[in-house]
C-alpha atoms as a PDB file:
ATOM      1  CA  UNK A   1     106.628  87.041  79.094  1.00  0.00           C
ATOM      2  CA  UNK A   2     108.199  84.213  81.491  1.00  0.00           C
ATOM      3  CA  UNK A   3     110.648  86.973  82.691  1.00  0.00           C
ATOM      4  CA  UNK A   4     107.965  89.551  82.924  1.00  0.00           C
ATOM      5  CA  UNK A   5     105.937  86.739  85.302  1.00  0.00           C
ATOM      6  CA  UNK A   6     109.296  86.157  87.009  1.00  0.00           C
ATOM      7  CA  UNK A   7     109.836  90.492  87.884  1.00  0.00           C
ATOM      8  CA  UNK A   8     106.286  90.671  89.202  1.00  0.00           C
ATOM      9  CA  UNK A   9     106.778  87.860  91.680  1.00  0.00           C
ATOM     10  CA  UNK A  10     109.689  88.862  92.766  1.00  0.00           C
ATOM     11  CA  UNK A  11     107.814  92.389  93.134  1.00  0.00           C
ATOM     12  CA  UNK A  12     105.276  91.316  95.193  1.00  0.00           C
ATOM     13  CA  UNK A  13     107.447  88.911  97.125  1.00  0.00           C
ATOM     14  CA  UNK A  14     109.957  92.568  98.347  1.00  0.00           C
ATOM     15  CA  UNK A  15     106.525  94.062  99.336  1.00  0.00           C
ATOM     16  CA  UNK A  16     105.338  90.735 101.194  1.00  0.00           C
ATOM     17  CA  UNK A  17     109.405  91.013 103.264  1.00  0.00           C
ATOM     18  CA  UNK A  18     108.849  95.190 103.574  1.00  0.00           C
ATOM     19  CA  UNK A  19     105.197  94.657 105.184  1.00  0.00           C
ATOM     20  CA  UNK A  20     106.567  91.455 107.159  1.00  0.00           C
ATOM     21  CA  UNK A  21     109.134  93.330 108.493  1.00  0.00           C
ATOM     22  CA  UNK A  22     107.479  96.183 110.259  1.00  0.00           C
ATOM     23  CA  UNK A  23     106.336  93.108 112.777  1.00  0.00           C
ATOM     24  CA  UNK A  24     109.746  93.197 114.337  1.00  0.00           C
ATOM     25  CA  UNK A  25     109.896  89.378 113.967  1.00  0.00           C
ATOM     26  CA  UNK A  26     113.210  87.697 114.536  1.00  0.00           C
ATOM     27  CA  UNK A  27     112.916  85.099 111.773  1.00  0.00           C
ATOM     28  CA  UNK A  28     112.710  85.975 107.938  1.00  0.00           C
ATOM     29  CA  UNK A  29     108.976  85.750 105.986  1.00  0.00           C
ATOM     30  CA  UNK A  30     110.192  82.771 103.935  1.00  0.00           C
ATOM     31  CA  UNK A  31     111.123  80.595 107.473  1.00  0.00           C
ATOM     32  CA  UNK A  32     107.551  82.115 109.051  1.00  0.00           C
ATOM     33  CA  UNK A  33     106.067  80.295 106.047  1.00  0.00           C
ATOM     34  CA  UNK A  34     107.647  76.862 106.469  1.00  0.00           C
ATOM     35  CA  UNK A  35     107.026  77.400 109.997  1.00  0.00           C
ATOM     36  CA  UNK A  36     103.272  78.055 110.018  1.00  0.00           C
ATOM     37  CA  UNK A  37     102.587  74.970 107.530  1.00  0.00           C
ATOM     38  CA  UNK A  38     104.676  72.742 109.876  1.00  0.00           C
ATOM     39  CA  UNK A  39     102.251  73.957 112.801  1.00  0.00           C
ATOM     40  CA  UNK A  40      99.245  73.349 110.472  1.00  0.00           C
ATOM     41  CA  UNK A  41     100.347  69.839 109.689  1.00  0.00           C
ATOM     42  CA  UNK A  42     100.784  69.454 113.279  1.00  0.00           C
ATOM     43  CA  UNK A  43      97.498  70.643 114.200  1.00  0.00           C
ATOM     44  CA  UNK A  44      95.421  68.446 112.021  1.00  0.00           C
ATOM     45  CA  UNK A  45      97.026  65.542 113.464  1.00  0.00           C
ATOM     46  CA  UNK A  46      96.545  66.781 116.943  1.00  0.00           C
ATOM     47  CA  UNK A  47      93.095  67.714 116.708  1.00  0.00           C
ATOM     48  CA  UNK A  48      91.969  64.172 114.913  1.00  0.00           C
ATOM     49  CA  UNK A  49      93.913  62.480 117.365  1.00  0.00           C
ATOM     50  CA  UNK A  50      91.815  64.889 120.166  1.00  0.00           C
ATOM     51  CA  UNK A  51      88.850  63.526 118.373  1.00  0.00           C
ATOM     52  CA  UNK A  52      89.352  59.676 118.688  1.00  0.00           C
ATOM     53  CA  UNK A  53      91.102  60.314 121.987  1.00  0.00           C
ATOM     54  CA  UNK A  54      86.834  61.384 123.265  1.00  0.00           C
ATOM     55  CA  UNK A  55      85.318  59.491 120.835  1.00  0.00           C
ATOM     56  CA  UNK A  56      83.413  62.608 119.332  1.00  0.00           C
ATOM     57  CA  UNK A  57      80.382  61.052 117.517  1.00  0.00           C
ATOM     58  CA  UNK A  58      79.728  64.342 115.272  1.00  0.00           C
ATOM     59  CA  UNK A  59      80.447  66.184 112.049  1.00  0.00           C
ATOM     60  CA  UNK A  60      83.311  68.382 113.600  1.00  0.00           C
ATOM     61  CA  UNK A  61      85.360  64.975 113.627  1.00  0.00           C
ATOM     62  CA  UNK A  62      86.018  65.776 110.388  1.00  0.00           C
ATOM     63  CA  UNK A  63      85.200  69.880 110.477  1.00  0.00           C
ATOM     64  CA  UNK A  64      87.940  70.417 113.230  1.00  0.00           C
ATOM     65  CA  UNK A  65      90.710  69.303 112.014  1.00  0.00           C
ATOM     66  CA  UNK A  66      90.053  70.337 108.499  1.00  0.00           C
ATOM     67  CA  UNK A  67      89.229  74.426 109.988  1.00  0.00           C
ATOM     68  CA  UNK A  68      92.588  73.802 112.283  1.00  0.00           C
ATOM     69  CA  UNK A  69      94.688  73.549 109.108  1.00  0.00           C
ATOM     70  CA  UNK A  70      93.150  76.544 107.136  1.00  0.00           C
ATOM     71  CA  UNK A  71      93.109  78.311 110.262  1.00  0.00           C
ATOM     72  CA  UNK A  72      96.407  78.108 111.598  1.00  0.00           C
ATOM     73  CA  UNK A  73      97.353  78.958 107.508  1.00  0.00           C
ATOM     74  CA  UNK A  74      95.035  81.824 107.555  1.00  0.00           C
ATOM     75  CA  UNK A  75      97.884  83.422 110.990  1.00  0.00           C
ATOM     76  CA  UNK A  76     100.387  83.670 107.749  1.00  0.00           C
ATOM     77  CA  UNK A  77      98.849  87.161 106.984  1.00  0.00           C
ATOM     78  CA  UNK A  78      97.516  87.253 110.250  1.00  0.00           C
ATOM     79  CA  UNK A  79      99.855  87.272 112.846  1.00  0.00           C
ATOM     80  CA  UNK A  80     102.254  89.660 110.762  1.00  0.00           C
ATOM     81  CA  UNK A  81      98.836  91.987 110.458  1.00  0.00           C
ATOM     82  CA  UNK A  82      98.241  92.022 113.779  1.00  0.00           C
ATOM     83  CA  UNK A  83     101.577  93.148 114.964  1.00  0.00           C
ATOM     84  CA  UNK A  84     102.338  95.253 112.165  1.00  0.00           C
ATOM     85  CA  UNK A  85      98.456  96.996 113.095  1.00  0.00           C
ATOM     86  CA  UNK A  86      99.775  97.119 116.841  1.00  0.00           C
ATOM     87  CA  UNK A  87     103.376  98.587 116.184  1.00  0.00           C
ATOM     88  CA  UNK A  88     101.674 101.296 114.090  1.00  0.00           C
ATOM     89  CA  UNK A  89      99.188 102.014 117.168  1.00  0.00           C
ATOM     90  CA  UNK A  90     102.281 102.155 119.479  1.00  0.00           C
ATOM     91  CA  UNK A  91     103.900 104.790 116.630  1.00  0.00           C
ATOM     92  CA  UNK A  92     100.969 106.809 116.439  1.00  0.00           C
ATOM     93  CA  UNK A  93     100.473 107.165 120.093  1.00  0.00           C
ATOM     94  CA  UNK A  94     104.022 107.890 121.052  1.00  0.00           C
ATOM     95  CA  UNK A  95     104.437 110.773 117.555  1.00  0.00           C
ATOM     96  CA  UNK A  96     103.151 113.507 119.416  1.00  0.00           C
ATOM     97  CA  UNK A  97     104.933 113.384 122.403  1.00  0.00           C
ATOM     98  CA  UNK A  98     108.052 112.581 119.805  1.00  0.00           C
ATOM     99  CA  UNK A  99     107.038 116.135 118.048  1.00  0.00           C
ATOM    100  CA  UNK A 100     106.812 118.194 121.223  1.00  0.00           C
ATOM    101  CA  UNK A 101     110.233 116.614 122.486  1.00  0.00           C
ATOM    102  CA  UNK A 102     111.955 117.872 119.003  1.00  0.00           C
ATOM    103  CA  UNK A 103     110.257 120.915 118.991  1.00  0.00           C
ATOM    104  CA  UNK A 104     111.386 121.439 122.698  1.00  0.00           C
ATOM    105  CA  UNK A 105     115.522 120.410 121.616  1.00  0.00           C
ATOM    106  CA  UNK A 106     115.270 122.882 118.482  1.00  0.00           C
ATOM    107  CA  UNK A 107     113.729 125.724 120.743  1.00  0.00           C
ATOM    108  CA  UNK A 108     116.671 125.204 123.086  1.00  0.00           C
ATOM    109  CA  UNK A 109     119.074 126.061 120.982  1.00  0.00           C
ATOM    110  CA  UNK A 110     119.488 122.470 119.727  1.00  0.00           C
ATOM    111  CA  UNK A 111     120.109 120.376 115.922  1.00  0.00           C
ATOM    112  CA  UNK A 112     117.882 117.957 114.020  1.00  0.00           C
ATOM    113  CA  UNK A 113     120.675 115.580 114.917  1.00  0.00           C
ATOM    114  CA  UNK A 114     120.373 115.950 118.295  1.00  0.00           C
ATOM    115  CA  UNK A 115     117.121 115.697 118.749  1.00  0.00           C
ATOM    116  CA  UNK A 116     117.015 112.397 117.057  1.00  0.00           C
ATOM    117  CA  UNK A 117     119.858 111.102 118.877  1.00  0.00           C
ATOM    118  CA  UNK A 118     117.464 112.087 122.600  1.00  0.00           C
ATOM    119  CA  UNK A 119     114.034 110.536 120.840  1.00  0.00           C
ATOM    120  CA  UNK A 120     116.859 107.273 119.919  1.00  0.00           C
ATOM    121  CA  UNK A 121     117.784 106.985 123.234  1.00  0.00           C
ATOM    122  CA  UNK A 122     114.157 107.546 125.575  1.00  0.00           C
ATOM    123  CA  UNK A 123     111.474 105.018 126.008  1.00  0.00           C
ATOM    124  CA  UNK A 124     108.980 105.649 122.888  1.00  0.00           C
ATOM    125  CA  UNK A 125     108.480 102.234 122.098  1.00  0.00           C
ATOM    126  CA  UNK A 126     109.135 101.505 118.169  1.00  0.00           C
ATOM    127  CA  UNK A 127     109.305 104.858 117.279  1.00  0.00           C
ATOM    128  CA  UNK A 128     112.433 105.411 119.228  1.00  0.00           C
ATOM    129  CA  UNK A 129     113.942 102.050 116.956  1.00  0.00           C
ATOM    130  CA  UNK A 130     112.125 103.878 113.958  1.00  0.00           C
ATOM    131  CA  UNK A 131     114.111 106.969 114.470  1.00  0.00           C
ATOM    132  CA  UNK A 132     117.654 105.590 115.686  1.00  0.00           C
ATOM    133  CA  UNK A 133     117.447 104.035 112.268  1.00  0.00           C
ATOM    134  CA  UNK A 134     116.738 107.587 110.596  1.00  0.00           C
ATOM    135  CA  UNK A 135     119.520 109.205 112.849  1.00  0.00           C
ATOM    136  CA  UNK A 136     121.975 106.733 111.586  1.00  0.00           C
ATOM    137  CA  UNK A 137     121.181 107.281 107.685  1.00  0.00           C
ATOM    138  CA  UNK A 138     121.376 111.218 108.529  1.00  0.00           C
ATOM    139  CA  UNK A 139     125.159 110.526 110.065  1.00  0.00           C
ATOM    140  CA  UNK A 140     125.536 109.017 107.028  1.00  0.00           C
ATOM    141  CA  UNK A 141     124.989 112.028 104.614  1.00  0.00           C
ATOM    142  CA  UNK A 142     121.682 112.198 104.032  1.00  0.00           C
ATOM    143  CA  UNK A 143     119.627 115.222 103.944  1.00  0.00           C
ATOM    144  CA  UNK A 144     116.671 115.863 106.813  1.00  0.00           C
ATOM    145  CA  UNK A 145     114.055 115.336 104.237  1.00  0.00           C
ATOM    146  CA  UNK A 146     114.816 112.109 102.811  1.00  0.00           C
ATOM    147  CA  UNK A 147     115.645 111.154 106.281  1.00  0.00           C
ATOM    148  CA  UNK A 148     111.493 112.238 107.391  1.00  0.00           C
ATOM    149  CA  UNK A 149     110.486 110.448 104.434  1.00  0.00           C
ATOM    150  CA  UNK A 150     112.010 106.880 105.015  1.00  0.00           C
ATOM    151  CA  UNK A 151     111.571 107.104 108.869  1.00  0.00           C
ATOM    152  CA  UNK A 152     107.880 107.702 107.704  1.00  0.00           C
ATOM    153  CA  UNK A 153     107.888 105.328 105.398  1.00  0.00           C
ATOM    154  CA  UNK A 154     109.569 102.172 106.919  1.00  0.00           C
ATOM    155  CA  UNK A 155     106.970 102.790 110.282  1.00  0.00           C
ATOM    156  CA  UNK A 156     103.790 102.013 108.192  1.00  0.00           C
ATOM    157  CA  UNK A 157     102.136 104.739 110.085  1.00  0.00           C
ATOM    158  CA  UNK A 158      99.558 106.628 107.215  1.00  0.00           C
ATOM    159  CA  UNK A 159      99.924 109.448 110.062  1.00  0.00           C
ATOM    160  CA  UNK A 160     103.430 109.476 110.167  1.00  0.00           C
ATOM    161  CA  UNK A 161     103.452 109.528 106.318  1.00  0.00           C
ATOM    162  CA  UNK A 162     100.908 112.751 106.459  1.00  0.00           C
ATOM    163  CA  UNK A 163     102.965 114.335 109.160  1.00  0.00           C
ATOM    164  CA  UNK A 164     106.070 114.082 107.028  1.00  0.00           C
ATOM    165  CA  UNK A 165     104.639 115.562 104.244  1.00  0.00           C
ATOM    166  CA  UNK A 166     103.537 118.406 105.671  1.00  0.00           C
ATOM    167  CA  UNK A 167     107.000 119.264 107.869  1.00  0.00           C
ATOM    168  CA  UNK A 168     108.921 119.349 104.456  1.00  0.00           C
ATOM    169  CA  UNK A 169     106.532 121.614 103.040  1.00  0.00           C
ATOM    170  CA  UNK A 170     106.868 123.497 105.608  1.00  0.00           C
ATOM    171  CA  UNK A 171     110.250 123.484 105.502  1.00  0.00           C
ATOM    172  CA  UNK A 172     110.403 124.387 101.960  1.00  0.00           C
ATOM    173  CA  UNK A 173     108.030 127.719 102.589  1.00  0.00           C
ATOM    174  CA  UNK A 174     110.247 128.850 105.207  1.00  0.00           C
ATOM    175  CA  UNK A 175     108.208 128.496 107.995  1.00  0.00           C
ATOM    176  CA  UNK A 176     109.871 127.483 111.498  1.00  0.00           C
ATOM    177  CA  UNK A 177     110.032 123.996 112.177  1.00  0.00           C
ATOM    178  CA  UNK A 178     110.454 124.253 116.029  1.00  0.00           C
ATOM    179  CA  UNK A 179     106.627 125.930 115.848  1.00  0.00           C
ATOM    180  CA  UNK A 180     105.282 124.000 112.873  1.00  0.00           C
ATOM    181  CA  UNK A 181     106.466 120.641 114.952  1.00  0.00           C
ATOM    182  CA  UNK A 182     104.577 122.243 118.259  1.00  0.00           C
ATOM    183  CA  UNK A 183     101.321 122.795 115.849  1.00  0.00           C
ATOM    184  CA  UNK A 184     101.326 119.155 114.603  1.00  0.00           C
ATOM    185  CA  UNK A 185     101.980 117.438 118.048  1.00  0.00           C
ATOM    186  CA  UNK A 186      98.929 119.659 118.938  1.00  0.00           C
ATOM    187  CA  UNK A 187      96.810 118.129 116.209  1.00  0.00           C
ATOM    188  CA  UNK A 188      98.116 114.751 115.679  1.00  0.00           C
ATOM    189  CA  UNK A 189      97.285 114.744 119.781  1.00  0.00           C
ATOM    190  CA  UNK A 190      93.620 115.952 118.676  1.00  0.00           C
ATOM    191  CA  UNK A 191      93.575 112.965 115.883  1.00  0.00           C
ATOM    192  CA  UNK A 192      94.941 109.999 118.472  1.00  0.00           C
ATOM    193  CA  UNK A 193      91.856 111.420 120.931  1.00  0.00           C
ATOM    194  CA  UNK A 194      89.293 111.008 118.708  1.00  0.00           C
ATOM    195  CA  UNK A 195      90.649 107.513 117.626  1.00  0.00           C
ATOM    196  CA  UNK A 196      90.664 105.963 121.407  1.00  0.00           C
ATOM    197  CA  UNK A 197      87.588 107.562 121.914  1.00  0.00           C
ATOM    198  CA  UNK A 198      86.022 105.781 118.695  1.00  0.00           C
ATOM    199  CA  UNK A 199      87.626 102.893 120.180  1.00  0.00           C
ATOM    200  CA  UNK A 200      86.238 103.019 123.811  1.00  0.00           C
ATOM    201  CA  UNK A 201      82.461 103.491 122.144  1.00  0.00           C
ATOM    202  CA  UNK A 202      82.653 100.374 120.564  1.00  0.00           C
ATOM    203  CA  UNK A 203      84.789  98.214 122.850  1.00  0.00           C
ATOM    204  CA  UNK A 204      81.558  96.587 124.564  1.00  0.00           C
ATOM    205  CA  UNK A 205      80.049  95.912 120.949  1.00  0.00           C
ATOM    206  CA  UNK A 206      82.942  94.168 119.519  1.00  0.00           C
ATOM    207  CA  UNK A 207      83.027  92.295 123.013  1.00  0.00           C
ATOM    208  CA  UNK A 208      79.758  91.336 122.730  1.00  0.00           C
ATOM    209  CA  UNK A 209      79.465  89.996 119.084  1.00  0.00           C
ATOM    210  CA  UNK A 210      82.998  87.293 119.533  1.00  0.00           C
ATOM    211  CA  UNK A 211      81.464  86.916 123.029  1.00  0.00           C
ATOM    212  CA  UNK A 212      78.423  85.527 121.555  1.00  0.00           C
ATOM    213  CA  UNK A 213      79.468  84.000 118.657  1.00  0.00           C
ATOM    214  CA  UNK A 214      82.447  82.325 119.702  1.00  0.00           C
ATOM    215  CA  UNK A 215      81.326  81.296 123.115  1.00  0.00           C
ATOM    216  CA  UNK A 216      78.191  81.507 124.246  1.00  0.00           C
ATOM    217  CA  UNK A 217      76.014  80.490 121.001  1.00  0.00           C
ATOM    218  CA  UNK A 218      78.592  77.048 120.483  1.00  0.00           C
ATOM    219  CA  UNK A 219      78.503  76.257 123.758  1.00  0.00           C
ATOM    220  CA  UNK A 220      74.697  76.396 124.451  1.00  0.00           C
ATOM    221  CA  UNK A 221      74.585  74.247 121.054  1.00  0.00           C
ATOM    222  CA  UNK A 222      76.571  71.516 122.124  1.00  0.00           C
ATOM    223  CA  UNK A 223      75.068  70.870 125.393  1.00  0.00           C
ATOM    224  CA  UNK A 224      71.562  71.203 123.810  1.00  0.00           C
ATOM    225  CA  UNK A 225      72.622  68.339 120.888  1.00  0.00           C
ATOM    226  CA  UNK A 226      74.498  66.126 123.944  1.00  0.00           C
ATOM    227  CA  UNK A 227      70.857  66.558 125.727  1.00  0.00           C
ATOM    228  CA  UNK A 228      68.263  66.182 122.527  1.00  0.00           C
ATOM    229  CA  UNK A 229      70.365  63.123 121.093  1.00  0.00           C
ATOM    230  CA  UNK A 230      70.137  61.276 124.326  1.00  0.00           C
ATOM    231  CA  UNK A 231      66.765  62.036 124.545  1.00  0.00           C
ATOM    232  CA  UNK A 232      66.539  60.578 121.060  1.00  0.00           C
ATOM    233  CA  UNK A 233      68.351  57.746 121.961  1.00  0.00           C
ATOM    234  CA  UNK A 234      66.660  56.448 124.650  1.00  0.00           C
ATOM    235  CA  UNK A 235      63.026  57.206 122.156  1.00  0.00           C
ATOM    236  CA  UNK A 236      64.540  54.907 119.752  1.00  0.00           C
ATOM    237  CA  UNK A 237      65.279  52.138 122.709  1.00  0.00           C
ATOM    238  CA  UNK A 238      61.540  52.332 123.633  1.00  0.00           C
ATOM    239  CA  UNK A 239      60.642  51.857 120.216  1.00  0.00           C
ATOM    240  CA  UNK A 240      59.039  55.567 119.901  1.00  0.00           C
ATOM    241  CA  UNK A 241      59.902  57.841 117.397  1.00  0.00           C
ATOM    242  CA  UNK A 242      63.708  58.926 117.540  1.00  0.00           C
ATOM    243  CA  UNK A 243      65.964  57.408 115.792  1.00  0.00           C
ATOM    244  CA  UNK A 244      69.271  58.791 117.423  1.00  0.00           C
ATOM    245  CA  UNK A 245      70.226  59.850 114.521  1.00  0.00           C
ATOM    246  CA  UNK A 246      71.427  63.849 114.253  1.00  0.00           C
ATOM    247  CA  UNK A 247      73.503  63.814 112.151  1.00  0.00           C
ATOM    248  CA  UNK A 248      71.769  66.104 109.312  1.00  0.00           C
ATOM    249  CA  UNK A 249      70.887  68.606 112.348  1.00  0.00           C
ATOM    250  CA  UNK A 250      74.554  68.257 113.920  1.00  0.00           C
ATOM    251  CA  UNK A 251      75.548  69.467 110.203  1.00  0.00           C
ATOM    252  CA  UNK A 252      72.928  72.616 109.999  1.00  0.00           C
ATOM    253  CA  UNK A 253      74.255  73.918 113.398  1.00  0.00           C
ATOM    254  CA  UNK A 254      77.679  73.834 112.310  1.00  0.00           C
ATOM    255  CA  UNK A 255      77.241  75.672 109.192  1.00  0.00           C
ATOM    256  CA  UNK A 256      75.053  77.888 111.104  1.00  0.00           C
ATOM    257  CA  UNK A 257      78.192  78.401 113.183  1.00  0.00           C
ATOM    258  CA  UNK A 258      80.158  79.310 110.796  1.00  0.00           C
ATOM    259  CA  UNK A 259      77.845  81.547 108.802  1.00  0.00           C
ATOM    260  CA  UNK A 260      77.405  83.485 112.407  1.00  0.00           C
ATOM    261  CA  UNK A 261      81.044  83.710 112.888  1.00  0.00           C
ATOM    262  CA  UNK A 262      81.945  85.073 109.423  1.00  0.00           C
ATOM    263  CA  UNK A 263      79.310  87.575 110.202  1.00  0.00           C
ATOM    264  CA  UNK A 264      80.339  88.713 113.224  1.00  0.00           C
ATOM    265  CA  UNK A 265      83.778  89.143 112.330  1.00  0.00           C
ATOM    266  CA  UNK A 266      82.501  90.931 109.368  1.00  0.00           C
ATOM    267  CA  UNK A 267      80.373  93.289 112.170  1.00  0.00           C
ATOM    268  CA  UNK A 268      83.217  94.088 113.635  1.00  0.00           C
ATOM    269  CA  UNK A 269      85.441  95.155 111.519  1.00  0.00           C
ATOM    270  CA  UNK A 270      82.675  97.704 110.379  1.00  0.00           C
ATOM    271  CA  UNK A 271      82.476  98.864 114.189  1.00  0.00           C
ATOM    272  CA  UNK A 272      86.029  99.208 115.035  1.00  0.00           C
ATOM    273  CA  UNK A 273      87.368 100.514 112.046  1.00  0.00           C
ATOM    274  CA  UNK A 274      85.153 101.382 109.708  1.00  0.00           C
ATOM    275  CA  UNK A 275      86.075  98.339 107.149  1.00  0.00           C
ATOM    276  CA  UNK A 276      85.707  94.846 107.357  1.00  0.00           C
ATOM    277  CA  UNK A 277      88.668  93.570 104.819  1.00  0.00           C
ATOM    278  CA  UNK A 278      91.673  92.625 107.366  1.00  0.00           C
ATOM    279  CA  UNK A 279      88.841  90.957 109.871  1.00  0.00           C
ATOM    280  CA  UNK A 280      88.567  88.388 107.227  1.00  0.00           C
ATOM    281  CA  UNK A 281      91.828  87.078 107.475  1.00  0.00           C
ATOM    282  CA  UNK A 282      90.815  85.544 111.068  1.00  0.00           C
ATOM    283  CA  UNK A 283      87.950  84.220 109.761  1.00  0.00           C
ATOM    284  CA  UNK A 284      89.187  80.384 109.770  1.00  0.00           C
ATOM    285  CA  UNK A 285      90.585  80.923 113.377  1.00  0.00           C
ATOM    286  CA  UNK A 286      87.767  81.734 114.399  1.00  0.00           C
ATOM    287  CA  UNK A 287      85.468  79.478 113.290  1.00  0.00           C
ATOM    288  CA  UNK A 288      88.167  76.814 114.678  1.00  0.00           C
ATOM    289  CA  UNK A 289      87.670  78.088 118.177  1.00  0.00           C
ATOM    290  CA  UNK A 290      83.651  78.122 117.595  1.00  0.00           C
ATOM    291  CA  UNK A 291      83.707  74.797 116.811  1.00  0.00           C
ATOM    292  CA  UNK A 292      86.191  73.802 119.504  1.00  0.00           C
ATOM    293  CA  UNK A 293      83.601  75.573 121.937  1.00  0.00           C
ATOM    294  CA  UNK A 294      80.780  73.873 120.325  1.00  0.00           C
ATOM    295  CA  UNK A 295      82.224  70.278 120.623  1.00  0.00           C
ATOM    296  CA  UNK A 296      83.346  71.184 124.532  1.00  0.00           C
ATOM    297  CA  UNK A 297      79.648  71.911 124.859  1.00  0.00           C
ATOM    298  CA  UNK A 298      78.900  68.595 123.422  1.00  0.00           C
ATOM    299  CA  UNK A 299      81.245  66.342 125.574  1.00  0.00           C
ATOM    300  CA  UNK A 300      80.318  68.703 128.904  1.00  0.00           C
ATOM    301  CA  UNK A 301      76.491  67.601 127.994  1.00  0.00           C
ATOM    302  CA  UNK A 302      77.847  63.835 127.180  1.00  0.00           C
ATOM    303  CA  UNK A 303      80.050  63.689 130.958  1.00  0.00           C
ATOM    304  CA  UNK A 304      76.706  65.173 132.968  1.00  0.00           C
ATOM    305  CA  UNK A 305      74.501  62.728 131.272  1.00  0.00           C
ATOM    306  CA  UNK A 306      76.611  60.161 131.921  1.00  0.00           C
ATOM    307  CA  UNK A 307      77.324  61.099 135.462  1.00  0.00           C
ATOM    308  CA  UNK A 308      73.641  61.563 136.220  1.00  0.00           C
ATOM    309  CA  UNK A 309      72.305  57.911 134.832  1.00  0.00           C
END
């Protein structure tokens, strides 16, 4: 039983390392996790020290250090995911031009090896690095089909994987490789055009969600509660109905902002990508930003009141 569990965890760790390798970071996964844990602890200390320095009197004194710790831990998955998605996006964008380039070389009488060599020496971003690795394996004796599959799997791009499967099936059926590559390049370019069009149409909606939930609402809440507290304190001093204690109201606003950020992140994921799973990782970090802006609005409100008094 222990051996099976150890094998299972080793397999999962290997999958994580393969996923992490797609980010292009120069440090290992283990080192990266240790670094993020260290930064999370440093973030807690610095955030709590800052709340003491600014004499924060709201629940954010407790919430900000706690949220900062989890926000840094969320980046253990968030940063590699972002870097990998960014790399895959660049590979997808370069794929039509790469296929067209290879097709042109083959039509001119060149070989697959010479075509891959030209791609590896050209400026196709991460795609050039992927092809360079494939070229190395080809020269080591692997077949063209195996090299194409390895390049597609190593890229992490679903579009590249589908393209590789079509290329291999076309080769087996006896179709001309240069003509196949040229046709796939055109279809791939159309797919990328549709994706870019969807991104351009949803950018404004996603930006509005983030600006509202991370900046406008937290700042207005923080600024407003500072004024309300000043009025309530004055009423309490004048033996009126106010008592100057807004603890429950402050906590209610914090909880509301956390819910707002969560729902905005989910909505942004559905609008931009058609799914929300990838956005869940960033929720703790987004909540930290919202609470920091909330406290900043509160601090600005108090500063203006003191300056006016």
